[in-house]
C-alpha atoms as a PDB file:
ATOM      1  CA  MET A   1     -20.316  14.881   7.846  1.00  0.00           C
ATOM      2  CA  THR A   2     -18.979  17.546   5.622  1.00  0.00           C
ATOM      3  CA  ALA A   3     -18.045  16.765   2.116  1.00  0.00           C
ATOM      4  CA  ARG A   4     -14.737  18.096   3.141  1.00  0.00           C
ATOM      5  CA  GLN A   5     -14.670  16.210   6.462  1.00  0.00           C
ATOM      6  CA  CYS A   6     -15.651  12.998   4.508  1.00  0.00           C
ATOM      7  CA  ARG A   7     -12.650  13.675   1.818  1.00  0.00           C
ATOM      8  CA  ALA A   8     -10.177  14.023   4.582  1.00  0.00           C
ATOM      9  CA  ARG A   9     -10.825  11.297   6.378  1.00  0.00           C
ATOM     10  CA  ARG A  10     -11.715   8.989   3.420  1.00  0.00           C
ATOM     11  CA  PHE A  11      -7.353   9.746   2.303  1.00  0.00           C
ATOM     12  CA  ARG A  12      -5.527   9.683   5.060  1.00  0.00           C
ATOM     13  CA  ASN A  13      -2.217   8.706   4.386  1.00  0.00           C
ATOM     14  CA  GLY A  14      -3.863   7.751   0.255  1.00  0.00           C
ATOM     15  CA  VAL A  15      -6.018   4.890   1.251  1.00  0.00           C
ATOM     16  CA  GLU A  16      -9.814   4.810   1.338  1.00  0.00           C
ATOM     17  CA  ARG A  17     -10.563   3.589   4.886  1.00  0.00           C
ATOM     18  CA  ARG A  18     -12.868   0.644   3.854  1.00  0.00           C
ATOM     19  CA  ARG A  19     -14.099  -1.284   7.552  1.00  0.00           C
ATOM     20  CA  THR A  20     -12.135  -1.005  10.642  1.00  0.00           C
ATOM     21  CA  SER A  21      -8.792  -2.601  11.226  1.00  0.00           C
ATOM     22  CA  LYS A  22      -7.876  -6.028  11.745  1.00  0.00           C
ATOM     23  CA  THR A  23      -4.689  -5.844  12.555  1.00  0.00           C
ATOM     24  CA  HIS A  24      -1.711  -2.615  13.174  1.00  0.00           C
ATOM     25  CA  ALA A  25      -0.220  -3.245  10.131  1.00  0.00           C
ATOM     26  CA  THR A  26      -3.845  -2.434   8.372  1.00  0.00           C
ATOM     27  CA  ALA A  27      -4.211   0.130  10.719  1.00  0.00           C
ATOM     28  CA  ALA A  28      -1.041   1.788  10.354  1.00  0.00           C
ATOM     29  CA  PHE A  29      -2.144   2.609   6.469  1.00  0.00           C
ATOM     30  CA  GLY A  30      -5.522   3.755   7.004  1.00  0.00           C
ATOM     31  CA  CYS A  31      -6.993   1.055   5.928  1.00  0.00           C
ATOM     32  CA  GLY A  32     -10.551   0.018   6.694  1.00  0.00           C
ATOM     33  CA  ALA A  33     -14.616   1.248   6.850  1.00  0.00           C
ATOM     34  CA  VAL A  34     -16.885   2.386   3.973  1.00  0.00           C
ATOM     35  CA  VAL A  35     -16.277   6.170   3.802  1.00  0.00           C
ATOM     36  CA  CYS A  36     -19.125   8.083   2.396  1.00  0.00           C
ATOM     37  CA  GLY A  37     -21.043   5.181   0.879  1.00  0.00           C
ATOM     38  CA  ARG A  38     -17.851   3.865  -1.218  1.00  0.00           C
ATOM     39  CA  ALA A  39     -15.310   1.090  -0.656  1.00  0.00           C
ATOM     40  CA  GLN A  40     -12.071   0.741  -2.832  1.00  0.00           C
ATOM     41  CA  GLY A  41      -8.981  -0.375  -1.772  1.00  0.00           C
ATOM     42  CA  VAL A  42      -5.219   1.126  -2.168  1.00  0.00           C
ATOM     43  CA  LYS A  43      -5.143   4.272  -4.139  1.00  0.00           C
ATOM     44  CA  MET A  44      -2.139   5.118  -6.290  1.00  0.00           C
ATOM     45  CA  PRO A  45      -0.920   7.890  -4.188  1.00  0.00           C
ATOM     46  CA  VAL A  46       0.461   4.907  -2.096  1.00  0.00           C
ATOM     47  CA  TYR A  47       2.353   2.922  -5.401  1.00  0.00           C
ATOM     48  CA  LYS A  48       4.084   6.415  -6.029  1.00  0.00           C
ATOM     49  CA  HIS A  49       5.389   6.718  -1.604  1.00  0.00           C
ATOM     50  CA  LEU A  50       6.924   3.000  -2.335  1.00  0.00           C
ATOM     51  CA  LEU A  51       8.804   4.332  -5.481  1.00  0.00           C
ATOM     52  CA  ASN A  52       9.817   7.583  -3.856  1.00  0.00           C
ATOM     53  CA  ILE A  53      10.831   5.475  -0.650  1.00  0.00           C
ATOM     54  CA  ASN A  54      12.853   2.946  -3.148  1.00  0.00           C
ATOM     55  CA  THR A  55      14.204   5.927  -4.833  1.00  0.00           C
ATOM     56  CA  GLY A  56      15.537   8.061  -1.591  1.00  0.00           C
ATOM     57  CA  PHE A  57      16.779   4.947  -0.545  1.00  0.00           C
ATOM     58  CA  ASP A  58      18.941   4.748  -3.969  1.00  0.00           C
ATOM     59  CA  GLN A  59      20.186   7.962  -3.321  1.00  0.00           C
ATOM     60  CA  VAL A  60      21.046   7.504  -0.229  1.00  0.00           C
ATOM     61  CA  ILE A  61      23.373   4.509  -0.848  1.00  0.00           C
ATOM     62  CA  SER A  62      24.873   6.147  -4.071  1.00  0.00           C
ATOM     63  CA  ALA A  63      25.814   9.143  -2.261  1.00  0.00           C
ATOM     64  CA  LEU A  64      27.921   7.242   0.174  1.00  0.00           C
ATOM     65  CA  ALA A  65      29.243   5.056  -2.675  1.00  0.00           C
ATOM     66  CA  ALA A  66      30.326   8.743  -3.870  1.00  0.00           C
ATOM     67  CA  LEU A  67      31.784   9.644  -0.521  1.00  0.00           C
ATOM     68  CA  ARG A  68      33.570   6.634  -0.075  1.00  0.00           C
ATOM     69  CA  ARG A  69      35.906   7.900  -3.050  1.00  0.00           C
ATOM     70  CA  HIS A  70      37.217  10.632  -0.900  1.00  0.00           C
ATOM     71  CA  GLU A  71      39.876  10.235   1.858  1.00  0.00           C
ATOM     72  CA  PRO A  72      38.587  11.602   5.089  1.00  0.00           C
ATOM     73  CA  PHE A  73      36.069   9.399   4.977  1.00  0.00           C
ATOM     74  CA  HIS A  74      37.002   6.016   6.152  1.00  0.00           C
ATOM     75  CA  ARG A  75      35.582   3.138   3.506  1.00  0.00           C
ATOM     76  CA  ARG A  76      35.227   0.764   6.115  1.00  0.00           C
ATOM     77  CA  GLU A  77      32.585   3.116   7.487  1.00  0.00           C
ATOM     78  CA  ILE A  78      31.091   4.220   5.042  1.00  0.00           C
ATOM     79  CA  ASP A  79      30.604   0.421   3.781  1.00  0.00           C
ATOM     80  CA  HIS A  80      28.667   0.035   7.010  1.00  0.00           C
ATOM     81  CA  TYR A  81      26.252   2.436   7.123  1.00  0.00           C
ATOM     82  CA  ILE A  82      25.692   1.069   2.760  1.00  0.00           C
ATOM     83  CA  ALA A  83      24.989  -2.113   4.611  1.00  0.00           C
ATOM     84  CA  LEU A  84      22.331  -0.576   7.094  1.00  0.00           C
ATOM     85  CA  SER A  85      20.783   1.704   4.558  1.00  0.00           C
ATOM     86  CA  LYS A  86      20.218  -1.586   2.448  1.00  0.00           C
ATOM     87  CA  GLU A  87      19.011  -3.445   5.531  1.00  0.00           C
ATOM     88  CA  ALA A  88      16.559  -1.108   6.195  1.00  0.00           C
ATOM     89  CA  ARG A  89      15.472  -0.158   2.663  1.00  0.00           C
ATOM     90  CA  ALA A  90      14.360  -4.241   2.630  1.00  0.00           C
ATOM     91  CA  ALA A  91      12.589  -3.933   6.186  1.00  0.00           C
ATOM     92  CA  THR A  92      10.886  -0.911   4.980  1.00  0.00           C
ATOM     93  CA  ASN A  93      10.178  -3.032   1.878  1.00  0.00           C
ATOM     94  CA  SER A  94       9.329  -6.025   3.290  1.00  0.00           C
ATOM     95  CA  TYR A  95       6.410  -4.634   6.252  1.00  0.00           C
ATOM     96  CA  LEU A  96       4.850  -2.010   2.823  1.00  0.00           C
ATOM     97  CA  THR A  97       4.604  -4.311   0.920  1.00  0.00           C
ATOM     98  CA  ALA A  98       3.260  -6.834   3.263  1.00  0.00           C
ATOM     99  CA  VAL A  99       0.320  -4.298   4.043  1.00  0.00           C
ATOM    100  CA  LEU A 100      -0.306  -3.952   0.509  1.00  0.00           C
ATOM    101  CA  GLU A 101      -1.023  -7.599  -0.026  1.00  0.00           C
ATOM    102  CA  GLN A 102      -3.188  -7.797   2.837  1.00  0.00           C
ATOM    103  CA  VAL A 103      -5.306  -4.971   0.959  1.00  0.00           C
ATOM    104  CA  GLU A 104      -5.609  -5.335  -2.319  1.00  0.00           C
ATOM    105  CA  THR A 105      -5.697  -9.552  -1.485  1.00  0.00           C
ATOM    106  CA  GLU A 106      -9.069  -8.314   0.463  1.00  0.00           C
ATOM    107  CA  GLU A 107     -10.273  -6.131  -2.622  1.00  0.00           C
ATOM    108  CA  ALA A 108      -9.435  -8.706  -4.726  1.00  0.00           C
ATOM    109  CA  GLY A 109     -11.842 -11.272  -2.548  1.00  0.00           C
ATOM    110  CA  ARG A 110     -14.409  -8.143  -2.190  1.00  0.00           C
ATOM    111  CA  ARG A 111     -14.710  -8.012  -5.833  1.00  0.00           C
ATOM    112  CA  PHE A 112     -14.963 -10.944  -6.423  1.00  0.00           C
ATOM    113  CA  GLY A 113     -18.241 -11.845  -4.417  1.00  0.00           C
ATOM    114  CA  LYS A 114     -19.362  -9.318  -5.819  1.00  0.00           C
ATOM    115  CA  ARG A 115     -18.572 -10.926  -9.083  1.00  0.00           C
ATOM    116  CA  ARG A 116     -19.673 -13.776  -8.541  1.00  0.00           C
ATOM    117  CA  THR A 117     -22.880 -12.672  -6.949  1.00  0.00           C
ATOM    118  CA  ARG A 118     -23.719 -10.912 -10.411  1.00  0.00           C
ATOM    119  CA  GLU A 119     -23.233 -13.559 -12.528  1.00  0.00           C
ATOM    120  CA  GLN A 120     -25.587 -15.904 -10.335  1.00  0.00           C
ATOM    121  CA  GLN A 121     -28.189 -13.406 -10.373  1.00  0.00           C
ATOM    122  CA  GLU A 122     -27.467 -13.334 -14.402  1.00  0.00           C
ATOM    123  CA  GLU A 123     -27.654 -17.142 -14.639  1.00  0.00           C
ATOM    124  CA  SER A 124     -31.050 -17.759 -12.450  1.00  0.00           C
ATOM    125  CA  GLY A 125     -32.705 -14.949 -14.657  1.00  0.00           C
ATOM    126  CA  SER A 126     -31.244 -16.411 -17.089  1.00  0.00           C
ATOM    127  CA  GLN A 127     -32.970 -19.733 -16.423  1.00  0.00           C
ATOM    128  CA  ALA A 128     -36.409 -18.203 -15.255  1.00  0.00           C
ATOM    129  CA  ASN A 129     -36.781 -16.678 -18.628  1.00  0.00           C
ATOM    130  CA  MET A 130     -36.277 -20.028 -20.171  1.00  0.00           C
ATOM    131  CA  GLY A 131     -38.374 -22.146 -17.931  1.00  0.00           C
END
């Protein structure tokens, strides 16, 4: 695999692949297998995308509220679309943060295991030197 192919595969959707996906949610975010010898979790661009999504929803809601003040638009209809936008924002955030939580929890567990193994090796090395 060329370096270019490796980079393209690693950074699909801003998340490096670690192992084959366990769930549809994980697969949708591009999480899984070790790629190019490095295992990493969620990348900063994913969090930036989440921020951009929320900024976009806020802009939609603000713009709809501004339109509500103009006479040709029916206030009740605009309020309905504001409510739909807030519902869509909440559902989107719920899904995305659930996937992020799963990926970050797996990464934390992997890192904990590596640290624990290293500490145990250091302890057994210290005890061998004392004996």
